[in-house]
């Protein structure tokens, strides 16, 4: 979260934490959607090579990895991000200090997604 948005929340009588969490959640979900899309494209690409006689083990591993990535996004990561961002405000230090480990965990997920997207974009 950027510093100016934090200052706005602290200086306001309104509780904007929930709005910020929802906006941040949508940003992370957008990253997850893009990551899922890249994984799906790779699944389709490497799946078409499945019948070829010249398929090596690295292509098979990439296919399996993309399948697992998509499954993890759908079954664990996306619902987890949605849940954590929905309850993060309950565990803040106090009403004027929005800080807790749940937001930090979602930040780690975001950074991992960014890194994976960088790899996908560079190699495809």
N, C-alpha and C. Protein backbone atom coordinates (compact mmCIF):
# COMPACT_ATOMS: atom_id res chain seq x y z
N UNK A 1 0.85 -1.17 0.00
CA UNK A 1 0.00 0.00 0.00
C UNK A 1 0.90 1.23 0.00
N UNK A 2 0.50 2.21 -0.76
CA UNK A 2 1.34 3.38 -0.84
C UNK A 2 1.14 4.30 0.36
N UNK A 3 2.14 5.11 0.62
CA UNK A 3 2.16 5.95 1.80
C UNK A 3 1.04 6.99 1.77
N UNK A 4 0.75 7.58 0.63
CA UNK A 4 -0.28 8.61 0.57
C UNK A 4 -1.65 8.06 0.92
N UNK A 5 -1.94 6.87 0.48
CA UNK A 5 -3.23 6.25 0.81
C UNK A 5 -3.32 5.96 2.30
N UNK A 6 -2.21 5.55 2.92
CA UNK A 6 -2.20 5.32 4.36
C UNK A 6 -2.46 6.62 5.11
N UNK A 7 -1.83 7.71 4.65
CA UNK A 7 -2.02 9.00 5.29
C UNK A 7 -3.47 9.45 5.18
N UNK A 8 -4.10 9.22 4.05
CA UNK A 8 -5.50 9.58 3.86
C UNK A 8 -6.37 8.81 4.84
N UNK A 9 -6.11 7.51 4.99
CA UNK A 9 -6.91 6.70 5.92
C UNK A 9 -6.73 7.17 7.36
N UNK A 10 -5.51 7.50 7.73
CA UNK A 10 -5.26 7.91 9.11
C UNK A 10 -5.88 9.27 9.40
N UNK A 11 -5.88 10.16 8.43
CA UNK A 11 -6.36 11.50 8.65
C UNK A 11 -7.87 11.64 8.51
N UNK A 12 -8.53 10.62 8.09
CA UNK A 12 -9.96 10.69 7.84
C UNK A 12 -10.73 10.09 8.99
N UNK A 13 -11.93 10.59 9.18
CA UNK A 13 -12.82 10.00 10.18
C UNK A 13 -13.50 8.76 9.64
N UNK A 14 -13.48 8.61 8.31
CA UNK A 14 -14.08 7.44 7.68
C UNK A 14 -13.12 6.26 7.76
N UNK A 15 -13.66 5.08 7.82
CA UNK A 15 -12.83 3.88 7.79
C UNK A 15 -12.68 3.43 6.35
N UNK A 16 -11.56 3.79 5.73
CA UNK A 16 -11.31 3.43 4.34
C UNK A 16 -10.52 2.13 4.21
N UNK A 17 -10.22 1.49 5.31
CA UNK A 17 -9.44 0.26 5.28
C UNK A 17 -10.11 -0.80 4.43
N UNK A 18 -11.41 -0.99 4.61
CA UNK A 18 -12.14 -1.99 3.85
C UNK A 18 -12.11 -1.71 2.36
N UNK A 19 -12.22 -0.44 1.98
CA UNK A 19 -12.17 -0.06 0.58
C UNK A 19 -10.79 -0.35 0.01
N UNK A 20 -9.75 -0.01 0.77
CA UNK A 20 -8.38 -0.27 0.32
C UNK A 20 -8.14 -1.77 0.18
N UNK A 21 -8.64 -2.55 1.14
CA UNK A 21 -8.47 -4.00 1.07
C UNK A 21 -9.18 -4.57 -0.15
N UNK A 22 -10.38 -4.09 -0.44
CA UNK A 22 -11.11 -4.57 -1.61
C UNK A 22 -10.37 -4.22 -2.90
N UNK A 23 -9.87 -3.00 -2.98
CA UNK A 23 -9.12 -2.57 -4.17
C UNK A 23 -7.87 -3.40 -4.34
N UNK A 24 -7.15 -3.61 -3.24
CA UNK A 24 -5.93 -4.41 -3.29
C UNK A 24 -6.24 -5.85 -3.68
N UNK A 25 -7.32 -6.38 -3.14
CA UNK A 25 -7.74 -7.74 -3.47
C UNK A 25 -8.01 -7.87 -4.97
N UNK A 26 -8.68 -6.89 -5.54
CA UNK A 26 -8.97 -6.91 -6.98
C UNK A 26 -7.68 -6.86 -7.80
N UNK A 27 -6.70 -6.09 -7.33
CA UNK A 27 -5.41 -6.02 -8.03
C UNK A 27 -4.71 -7.38 -8.02
N UNK A 28 -4.69 -8.02 -6.86
CA UNK A 28 -4.04 -9.32 -6.74
C UNK A 28 -4.80 -10.37 -7.55
N UNK A 29 -6.12 -10.31 -7.51
CA UNK A 29 -6.93 -11.26 -8.29
C UNK A 29 -6.71 -11.06 -9.79
N UNK A 30 -6.49 -9.83 -10.19
CA UNK A 30 -6.17 -9.56 -11.59
C UNK A 30 -4.84 -10.21 -11.99
N UNK A 31 -3.84 -10.10 -11.10
CA UNK A 31 -2.56 -10.77 -11.34
C UNK A 31 -2.75 -12.27 -11.44
N UNK A 32 -3.54 -12.82 -10.54
CA UNK A 32 -3.80 -14.26 -10.55
C UNK A 32 -4.51 -14.67 -11.84
N UNK A 33 -5.43 -13.85 -12.30
CA UNK A 33 -6.13 -14.14 -13.55
C UNK A 33 -5.18 -14.15 -14.74
N UNK A 34 -4.27 -13.19 -14.77
CA UNK A 34 -3.29 -13.14 -15.85
C UNK A 34 -2.35 -14.34 -15.78
N UNK A 35 -1.94 -14.69 -14.58
CA UNK A 35 -1.07 -15.85 -14.39
C UNK A 35 -1.79 -17.13 -14.82
N UNK A 36 -3.04 -17.25 -14.46
CA UNK A 36 -3.83 -18.41 -14.85
C UNK A 36 -3.97 -18.49 -16.37
N UNK A 37 -4.16 -17.34 -17.00
CA UNK A 37 -4.28 -17.29 -18.45
C UNK A 37 -3.00 -17.77 -19.14
N UNK A 38 -1.85 -17.33 -18.64
CA UNK A 38 -0.58 -17.79 -19.20
C UNK A 38 -0.41 -19.30 -19.00
N UNK A 39 -0.78 -19.78 -17.82
CA UNK A 39 -0.67 -21.21 -17.56
C UNK A 39 -1.58 -22.00 -18.50
N UNK A 40 -2.78 -21.52 -18.73
CA UNK A 40 -3.72 -22.19 -19.63
C UNK A 40 -3.18 -22.22 -21.06
N UNK A 41 -2.61 -21.10 -21.50
CA UNK A 41 -2.02 -21.07 -22.86
C UNK A 41 -0.90 -22.10 -22.99
N UNK A 42 -0.07 -22.20 -21.96
CA UNK A 42 1.01 -23.18 -22.00
C UNK A 42 0.49 -24.61 -21.94
N UNK A 43 -0.57 -24.83 -21.18
CA UNK A 43 -1.19 -26.16 -21.13
C UNK A 43 -1.68 -26.55 -22.52
N UNK A 44 -2.35 -25.61 -23.19
CA UNK A 44 -2.85 -25.89 -24.53
C UNK A 44 -1.70 -26.16 -25.50
N UNK A 45 -0.65 -25.34 -25.39
CA UNK A 45 0.51 -25.51 -26.29
C UNK A 45 1.20 -26.85 -26.08
N UNK A 46 1.54 -27.13 -24.83
CA UNK A 46 2.26 -28.38 -24.55
C UNK A 46 1.35 -29.60 -24.65
N UNK A 47 0.04 -29.42 -24.48
CA UNK A 47 -0.89 -30.52 -24.65
C UNK A 47 -0.99 -30.97 -26.09
N UNK A 48 -0.84 -30.03 -27.02
CA UNK A 48 -0.87 -30.37 -28.44
C UNK A 48 0.35 -31.18 -28.84
N UNK A 49 1.44 -31.01 -28.11
CA UNK A 49 2.66 -31.75 -28.41
C UNK A 49 2.63 -33.16 -27.84
N UNK A 50 1.62 -33.47 -27.03
CA UNK A 50 1.56 -34.76 -26.35
C UNK A 50 1.61 -35.96 -27.26
N UNK A 51 1.04 -35.85 -28.44
CA UNK A 51 1.03 -36.98 -29.35
C UNK A 51 2.26 -37.07 -30.22
N UNK A 52 3.12 -36.06 -30.16
CA UNK A 52 4.33 -36.07 -31.00
C UNK A 52 5.34 -37.06 -30.47
N UNK A 53 6.08 -37.62 -31.38
CA UNK A 53 7.11 -38.60 -31.00
C UNK A 53 8.34 -37.93 -30.42
N UNK A 54 8.53 -36.64 -30.70
CA UNK A 54 9.74 -35.96 -30.26
C UNK A 54 9.56 -35.11 -29.00
N UNK A 55 8.57 -35.43 -28.19
CA UNK A 55 8.34 -34.68 -26.95
C UNK A 55 9.36 -35.14 -25.91
N UNK A 56 10.11 -34.17 -25.38
CA UNK A 56 11.09 -34.53 -24.36
C UNK A 56 10.50 -34.33 -22.96
N UNK A 57 11.25 -34.76 -21.98
CA UNK A 57 10.74 -34.74 -20.61
C UNK A 57 10.55 -33.32 -20.09
N UNK A 58 11.33 -32.35 -20.57
CA UNK A 58 11.17 -30.97 -20.09
C UNK A 58 9.81 -30.39 -20.51
N UNK A 59 9.35 -30.73 -21.69
CA UNK A 59 8.05 -30.24 -22.14
C UNK A 59 6.93 -30.89 -21.33
N UNK A 60 7.11 -32.15 -21.00
CA UNK A 60 6.13 -32.84 -20.16
C UNK A 60 6.09 -32.22 -18.77
N UNK A 61 7.26 -31.90 -18.23
CA UNK A 61 7.32 -31.26 -16.90
C UNK A 61 6.68 -29.87 -16.93
N UNK A 62 6.89 -29.11 -18.01
CA UNK A 62 6.27 -27.80 -18.12
C UNK A 62 4.75 -27.92 -18.20
N UNK A 63 4.28 -28.90 -18.94
CA UNK A 63 2.84 -29.14 -19.02
C UNK A 63 2.27 -29.46 -17.64
N UNK A 64 2.92 -30.39 -16.93
CA UNK A 64 2.45 -30.78 -15.59
C UNK A 64 2.52 -29.60 -14.61
N UNK A 65 3.56 -28.82 -14.70
CA UNK A 65 3.73 -27.67 -13.81
C UNK A 65 2.64 -26.63 -14.03
N UNK A 66 2.34 -26.35 -15.28
CA UNK A 66 1.28 -25.39 -15.59
C UNK A 66 -0.09 -25.90 -15.14
N UNK A 67 -0.32 -27.20 -15.26
CA UNK A 67 -1.57 -27.79 -14.76
C UNK A 67 -1.68 -27.61 -13.25
N UNK A 68 -0.59 -27.89 -12.55
CA UNK A 68 -0.59 -27.73 -11.10
C UNK A 68 -0.75 -26.27 -10.69
N UNK A 69 -0.09 -25.37 -11.40
CA UNK A 69 -0.20 -23.94 -11.09
C UNK A 69 -1.65 -23.49 -11.23
N UNK A 70 -2.30 -23.86 -12.31
CA UNK A 70 -3.69 -23.47 -12.52
C UNK A 70 -4.58 -24.05 -11.42
N UNK A 71 -4.33 -25.30 -11.05
CA UNK A 71 -5.12 -25.92 -9.99
C UNK A 71 -4.91 -25.21 -8.66
N UNK A 72 -3.67 -24.87 -8.33
CA UNK A 72 -3.39 -24.15 -7.08
C UNK A 72 -4.05 -22.78 -7.06
N UNK A 73 -4.03 -22.09 -8.19
CA UNK A 73 -4.68 -20.78 -8.25
C UNK A 73 -6.18 -20.93 -8.00
N UNK A 74 -6.80 -21.89 -8.67
CA UNK A 74 -8.25 -22.06 -8.58
C UNK A 74 -8.71 -22.56 -7.21
N UNK A 75 -7.99 -23.51 -6.66
CA UNK A 75 -8.47 -24.16 -5.43
C UNK A 75 -7.93 -23.57 -4.14
N UNK A 76 -6.79 -22.89 -4.19
CA UNK A 76 -6.21 -22.42 -2.94
C UNK A 76 -5.85 -20.96 -2.90
N UNK A 77 -5.09 -20.51 -3.87
CA UNK A 77 -4.53 -19.16 -3.79
C UNK A 77 -5.62 -18.10 -3.94
N UNK A 78 -6.43 -18.20 -4.98
CA UNK A 78 -7.46 -17.18 -5.19
C UNK A 78 -8.47 -17.13 -4.04
N UNK A 79 -9.04 -18.25 -3.62
CA UNK A 79 -9.95 -18.18 -2.46
C UNK A 79 -9.24 -17.70 -1.19
N UNK A 80 -7.97 -18.08 -1.03
CA UNK A 80 -7.22 -17.65 0.14
C UNK A 80 -7.00 -16.15 0.18
N UNK A 81 -6.65 -15.57 -0.96
CA UNK A 81 -6.46 -14.11 -1.04
C UNK A 81 -7.77 -13.40 -0.74
N UNK A 82 -8.86 -13.90 -1.32
CA UNK A 82 -10.16 -13.27 -1.07
C UNK A 82 -10.52 -13.34 0.41
N UNK A 83 -10.28 -14.47 1.04
CA UNK A 83 -10.62 -14.63 2.45
C UNK A 83 -9.74 -13.74 3.33
N UNK A 84 -8.44 -13.78 3.10
CA UNK A 84 -7.53 -13.00 3.94
C UNK A 84 -7.77 -11.50 3.84
N UNK A 85 -8.03 -11.02 2.63
CA UNK A 85 -8.29 -9.59 2.51
C UNK A 85 -9.64 -9.21 3.11
N UNK A 86 -10.57 -10.15 3.18
CA UNK A 86 -11.87 -9.84 3.78
C UNK A 86 -11.81 -9.77 5.30
N UNK A 87 -10.85 -10.45 5.92
CA UNK A 87 -10.76 -10.44 7.39
C UNK A 87 -9.57 -9.66 7.92
N UNK A 88 -8.71 -9.17 7.06
CA UNK A 88 -7.48 -8.50 7.52
C UNK A 88 -7.77 -7.34 8.45
N UNK A 89 -8.81 -6.58 8.16
CA UNK A 89 -9.12 -5.41 8.99
C UNK A 89 -9.46 -5.78 10.43
N UNK A 90 -9.88 -7.00 10.66
CA UNK A 90 -10.22 -7.43 12.02
C UNK A 90 -9.00 -7.60 12.91
N UNK A 91 -7.83 -7.73 12.30
CA UNK A 91 -6.62 -8.01 13.06
C UNK A 91 -5.60 -6.88 13.00
N UNK A 92 -6.04 -5.69 12.64
CA UNK A 92 -5.14 -4.54 12.64
C UNK A 92 -4.74 -4.20 14.07
N UNK A 93 -3.61 -3.53 14.19
CA UNK A 93 -3.12 -3.14 15.51
C UNK A 93 -4.17 -2.31 16.23
N UNK A 94 -4.68 -1.31 15.58
CA UNK A 94 -5.80 -0.52 16.08
C UNK A 94 -6.45 0.16 14.88
N UNK A 95 -7.48 0.97 15.13
CA UNK A 95 -8.24 1.54 14.02
C UNK A 95 -7.44 2.52 13.17
N UNK A 96 -6.38 3.08 13.72
CA UNK A 96 -5.58 4.04 12.95
C UNK A 96 -4.30 3.42 12.40
N UNK A 97 -3.98 2.19 12.78
CA UNK A 97 -2.77 1.52 12.30
C UNK A 97 -3.17 0.24 11.59
N UNK A 98 -3.20 0.33 10.26
CA UNK A 98 -3.59 -0.85 9.50
C UNK A 98 -2.35 -1.69 9.21
N UNK A 99 -2.11 -2.64 10.07
CA UNK A 99 -0.93 -3.49 9.90
C UNK A 99 -1.19 -4.83 10.59
N UNK A 100 -0.93 -5.90 9.85
CA UNK A 100 -1.00 -7.24 10.42
C UNK A 100 -0.37 -8.23 9.46
N UNK A 101 -0.16 -9.43 9.90
CA UNK A 101 0.50 -10.45 9.10
C UNK A 101 -0.30 -10.95 7.92
N UNK A 102 -1.63 -10.81 7.99
CA UNK A 102 -2.46 -11.26 6.86
C UNK A 102 -2.17 -10.46 5.61
N UNK A 103 -2.07 -9.15 5.76
CA UNK A 103 -1.74 -8.31 4.59
C UNK A 103 -0.33 -8.63 4.09
N UNK A 104 0.58 -8.91 5.00
CA UNK A 104 1.94 -9.26 4.59
C UNK A 104 1.95 -10.56 3.81
N UNK A 105 1.14 -11.52 4.22
CA UNK A 105 1.06 -12.79 3.50
C UNK A 105 0.52 -12.58 2.09
N UNK A 106 -0.51 -11.76 1.96
CA UNK A 106 -1.07 -11.47 0.63
C UNK A 106 -0.03 -10.75 -0.22
N UNK A 107 0.77 -9.89 0.39
CA UNK A 107 1.84 -9.20 -0.33
C UNK A 107 2.87 -10.20 -0.87
N UNK A 108 3.19 -11.22 -0.10
CA UNK A 108 4.11 -12.26 -0.56
C UNK A 108 3.51 -12.99 -1.76
N UNK A 109 2.23 -13.29 -1.70
CA UNK A 109 1.54 -13.94 -2.82
C UNK A 109 1.60 -13.04 -4.05
N UNK A 110 1.35 -11.75 -3.85
CA UNK A 110 1.40 -10.81 -4.97
C UNK A 110 2.79 -10.79 -5.62
N UNK A 111 3.83 -10.72 -4.80
CA UNK A 111 5.20 -10.67 -5.33
C UNK A 111 5.56 -11.96 -6.07
N UNK A 112 5.11 -13.09 -5.56
CA UNK A 112 5.35 -14.37 -6.25
C UNK A 112 4.65 -14.38 -7.60
N UNK A 113 3.42 -13.88 -7.64
CA UNK A 113 2.69 -13.82 -8.91
C UNK A 113 3.40 -12.91 -9.90
N UNK A 114 3.88 -11.77 -9.42
CA UNK A 114 4.61 -10.85 -10.29
C UNK A 114 5.85 -11.52 -10.87
N UNK A 115 6.55 -12.25 -10.05
CA UNK A 115 7.77 -12.93 -10.50
C UNK A 115 7.43 -14.01 -11.53
N UNK A 116 6.42 -14.81 -11.25
CA UNK A 116 6.00 -15.85 -12.19
C UNK A 116 5.54 -15.24 -13.52
N UNK A 117 4.83 -14.12 -13.46
CA UNK A 117 4.40 -13.46 -14.69
C UNK A 117 5.60 -12.95 -15.49
N UNK A 118 6.60 -12.45 -14.80
CA UNK A 118 7.81 -12.00 -15.47
C UNK A 118 8.46 -13.17 -16.20
N UNK A 119 8.52 -14.30 -15.57
CA UNK A 119 9.10 -15.49 -16.19
C UNK A 119 8.27 -15.93 -17.39
N UNK A 120 6.94 -15.98 -17.23
CA UNK A 120 6.07 -16.35 -18.34
C UNK A 120 6.24 -15.41 -19.53
N UNK A 121 6.26 -14.11 -19.25
CA UNK A 121 6.37 -13.12 -20.33
C UNK A 121 7.71 -13.22 -21.04
N UNK A 122 8.76 -13.48 -20.29
CA UNK A 122 10.10 -13.53 -20.85
C UNK A 122 10.30 -14.78 -21.71
N UNK A 123 9.71 -15.89 -21.31
CA UNK A 123 9.95 -17.16 -21.99
C UNK A 123 8.88 -17.56 -22.99
N UNK A 124 7.85 -16.75 -23.13
CA UNK A 124 6.82 -17.11 -24.11
C UNK A 124 6.71 -16.08 -25.20
